[in-house]
C-alpha atoms as a PDB file:
ATOM      1  CA  UNK A   1       0.000   0.000   0.000  1.00  0.00           C
ATOM      2  CA  UNK A   2       1.170   3.470  -0.721  1.00  0.00           C
ATOM      3  CA  UNK A   3       1.347   6.274   1.833  1.00  0.00           C
ATOM      4  CA  UNK A   4      -1.496   8.036   0.047  1.00  0.00           C
ATOM      5  CA  UNK A   5      -3.772   5.005   0.405  1.00  0.00           C
ATOM      6  CA  UNK A   6      -2.913   4.677   4.097  1.00  0.00           C
ATOM      7  CA  UNK A   7      -3.726   8.367   4.643  1.00  0.00           C
ATOM      8  CA  UNK A   8      -7.082   7.933   2.891  1.00  0.00           C
ATOM      9  CA  UNK A   9      -7.891   4.915   5.065  1.00  0.00           C
ATOM     10  CA  UNK A  10      -6.845   6.818   8.197  1.00  0.00           C
ATOM     11  CA  UNK A  11      -9.004   9.824   7.385  1.00  0.00           C
ATOM     12  CA  UNK A  12     -11.944   7.538   6.556  1.00  0.00           C
ATOM     13  CA  UNK A  13     -11.617   5.738   9.904  1.00  0.00           C
ATOM     14  CA  UNK A  14     -11.272   9.027  11.802  1.00  0.00           C
ATOM     15  CA  UNK A  15     -14.372  10.464  10.221  1.00  0.00           C
ATOM     16  CA  UNK A  16     -16.516   7.373  10.861  1.00  0.00           C
ATOM     17  CA  UNK A  17     -15.135   6.197  14.220  1.00  0.00           C
ATOM     18  CA  UNK A  18     -17.542   8.188  16.453  1.00  0.00           C
ATOM     19  CA  UNK A  19     -20.470   6.909  14.435  1.00  0.00           C
ATOM     20  CA  UNK A  20     -19.263   3.292  14.724  1.00  0.00           C
ATOM     21  CA  UNK A  21     -18.728   3.614  18.446  1.00  0.00           C
ATOM     22  CA  UNK A  22     -22.221   5.029  18.884  1.00  0.00           C
ATOM     23  CA  UNK A  23     -23.640   2.054  17.001  1.00  0.00           C
ATOM     24  CA  UNK A  24     -21.777  -0.375  19.264  1.00  0.00           C
ATOM     25  CA  UNK A  25     -23.180   1.130  22.490  1.00  0.00           C
ATOM     26  CA  UNK A  26     -26.408   2.975  21.644  1.00  0.00           C
ATOM     27  CA  UNK A  27     -27.610   3.068  25.264  1.00  0.00           C
ATOM     28  CA  UNK A  28     -24.591   5.030  26.445  1.00  0.00           C
ATOM     29  CA  UNK A  29     -24.523   8.729  26.175  1.00  0.00           C
ATOM     30  CA  UNK A  30     -21.170  10.278  25.359  1.00  0.00           C
ATOM     31  CA  UNK A  31     -19.277  11.569  28.363  1.00  0.00           C
ATOM     32  CA  UNK A  32     -18.318  15.168  28.301  1.00  0.00           C
ATOM     33  CA  UNK A  33     -15.904  17.085  30.444  1.00  0.00           C
ATOM     34  CA  UNK A  34     -18.738  19.298  31.693  1.00  0.00           C
ATOM     35  CA  UNK A  35     -20.817  16.338  32.871  1.00  0.00           C
ATOM     36  CA  UNK A  36     -20.439  16.285  36.711  1.00  0.00           C
ATOM     37  CA  UNK A  37     -22.083  12.889  37.271  1.00  0.00           C
ATOM     38  CA  UNK A  38     -19.053  10.693  36.482  1.00  0.00           C
ATOM     39  CA  UNK A  39     -16.665  12.778  38.566  1.00  0.00           C
ATOM     40  CA  UNK A  40     -19.123  12.756  41.496  1.00  0.00           C
ATOM     41  CA  UNK A  41     -19.415   9.001  41.222  1.00  0.00           C
ATOM     42  CA  UNK A  42     -15.633   8.676  41.088  1.00  0.00           C
ATOM     43  CA  UNK A  43     -15.327  10.744  44.272  1.00  0.00           C
ATOM     44  CA  UNK A  44     -17.941   8.602  46.047  1.00  0.00           C
ATOM     45  CA  UNK A  45     -16.210   5.397  44.957  1.00  0.00           C
ATOM     46  CA  UNK A  46     -12.834   6.717  46.153  1.00  0.00           C
ATOM     47  CA  UNK A  47     -14.327   7.651  49.536  1.00  0.00           C
ATOM     48  CA  UNK A  48     -15.955   4.253  49.824  1.00  0.00           C
ATOM     49  CA  UNK A  49     -12.685   2.513  48.963  1.00  0.00           C
ATOM     50  CA  UNK A  50     -10.894   4.624  51.546  1.00  0.00           C
ATOM     51  CA  UNK A  51     -13.385   3.601  54.245  1.00  0.00           C
ATOM     52  CA  UNK A  52     -13.137  -0.018  53.145  1.00  0.00           C
ATOM     53  CA  UNK A  53      -9.330   0.126  53.325  1.00  0.00           C
ATOM     54  CA  UNK A  54      -9.547   1.560  56.856  1.00  0.00           C
ATOM     55  CA  UNK A  55     -11.931  -1.201  57.968  1.00  0.00           C
ATOM     56  CA  UNK A  56      -9.672  -3.850  56.463  1.00  0.00           C
ATOM     57  CA  UNK A  57      -6.651  -2.376  58.254  1.00  0.00           C
ATOM     58  CA  UNK A  58      -8.518  -2.465  61.563  1.00  0.00           C
ATOM     59  CA  UNK A  59      -9.596  -6.051  60.918  1.00  0.00           C
ATOM     60  CA  UNK A  60      -6.058  -7.140  60.103  1.00  0.00           C
ATOM     61  CA  UNK A  61      -4.733  -5.416  63.219  1.00  0.00           C
ATOM     62  CA  UNK A  62      -7.359  -7.200  65.332  1.00  0.00           C
ATOM     63  CA  UNK A  63      -6.457 -10.535  63.729  1.00  0.00           C
ATOM     64  CA  UNK A  64      -2.755  -9.939  64.411  1.00  0.00           C
ATOM     65  CA  UNK A  65      -3.536  -9.166  68.040  1.00  0.00           C
ATOM     66  CA  UNK A  66      -5.709 -12.272  68.351  1.00  0.00           C
ATOM     67  CA  UNK A  67      -3.046 -14.483  66.743  1.00  0.00           C
ATOM     68  CA  UNK A  68      -0.463 -13.112  69.172  1.00  0.00           C
ATOM     69  CA  UNK A  69      -2.783 -13.862  72.106  1.00  0.00           C
ATOM     70  CA  UNK A  70      -3.374 -17.380  70.803  1.00  0.00           C
ATOM     71  CA  UNK A  71       0.353 -17.916  70.357  1.00  0.00           C
ATOM     72  CA  UNK A  72       1.036 -16.758  73.903  1.00  0.00           C
ATOM     73  CA  UNK A  73      -1.717 -19.032  75.228  1.00  0.00           C
ATOM     74  CA  UNK A  74      -0.401 -22.017  73.263  1.00  0.00           C
ATOM     75  CA  UNK A  75       3.120 -21.316  74.503  1.00  0.00           C
ATOM     76  CA  UNK A  76       1.907 -21.315  78.125  1.00  0.00           C
ATOM     77  CA  UNK A  77      -0.032 -24.546  77.593  1.00  0.00           C
ATOM     78  CA  UNK A  78       2.951 -26.166  75.887  1.00  0.00           C
ATOM     79  CA  UNK A  79       5.277 -25.249  78.737  1.00  0.00           C
ATOM     80  CA  UNK A  80       2.760 -26.516  81.322  1.00  0.00           C
ATOM     81  CA  UNK A  81       2.271 -29.784  79.449  1.00  0.00           C
ATOM     82  CA  UNK A  82       6.010 -30.167  79.011  1.00  0.00           C
ATOM     83  CA  UNK A  83       6.593 -29.694  82.745  1.00  0.00           C
ATOM     84  CA  UNK A  84       3.905 -32.271  83.520  1.00  0.00           C
ATOM     85  CA  UNK A  85       5.476 -34.811  81.150  1.00  0.00           C
ATOM     86  CA  UNK A  86       8.948 -34.232  82.569  1.00  0.00           C
ATOM     87  CA  UNK A  87       7.588 -34.596  86.116  1.00  0.00           C
ATOM     88  CA  UNK A  88       5.718 -37.773  85.142  1.00  0.00           C
ATOM     89  CA  UNK A  89       8.806 -39.385  83.598  1.00  0.00           C
ATOM     90  CA  UNK A  90      10.903 -38.312  86.562  1.00  0.00           C
ATOM     91  CA  UNK A  91       8.381 -39.978  88.865  1.00  0.00           C
ATOM     92  CA  UNK A  92       8.242 -43.117  86.709  1.00  0.00           C
ATOM     93  CA  UNK A  93      12.035 -43.289  86.579  1.00  0.00           C
ATOM     94  CA  UNK A  94      12.365 -42.855  90.350  1.00  0.00           C
ATOM     95  CA  UNK A  95       9.538 -45.350  90.960  1.00  0.00           C
ATOM     96  CA  UNK A  96      11.059 -47.951  88.654  1.00  0.00           C
ATOM     97  CA  UNK A  97      14.471 -47.441  90.286  1.00  0.00           C
ATOM     98  CA  UNK A  98      12.896 -48.064  93.715  1.00  0.00           C
ATOM     99  CA  UNK A  99      11.087 -51.158  92.413  1.00  0.00           C
ATOM    100  CA  UNK A 100      14.284 -52.546  90.912  1.00  0.00           C
ATOM    101  CA  UNK A 101      16.203 -51.823  94.107  1.00  0.00           C
ATOM    102  CA  UNK A 102      13.766 -53.699  96.272  1.00  0.00           C
END
């Protein structure tokens, strides 16, 4: 194709593009810079996302705190159980030594 043909095709597409786009989405009205509705909606969505982000941050902080509490509780229970097992085996060892001695 020659440059002239490409320029003709380009100008044809440019002149008909708005018309083709309108045919593809007839229920949509074209957005204009002066139309305040989209910008108002954008602001509301941004505010909503900001609130949602804050709530998520609070939720994650609460989960972190709860996980830390659970970890501390499990650590205490583990240490208590470990002491009980050590005491039990110490008792069994002493008891079996006494039985063998007698």
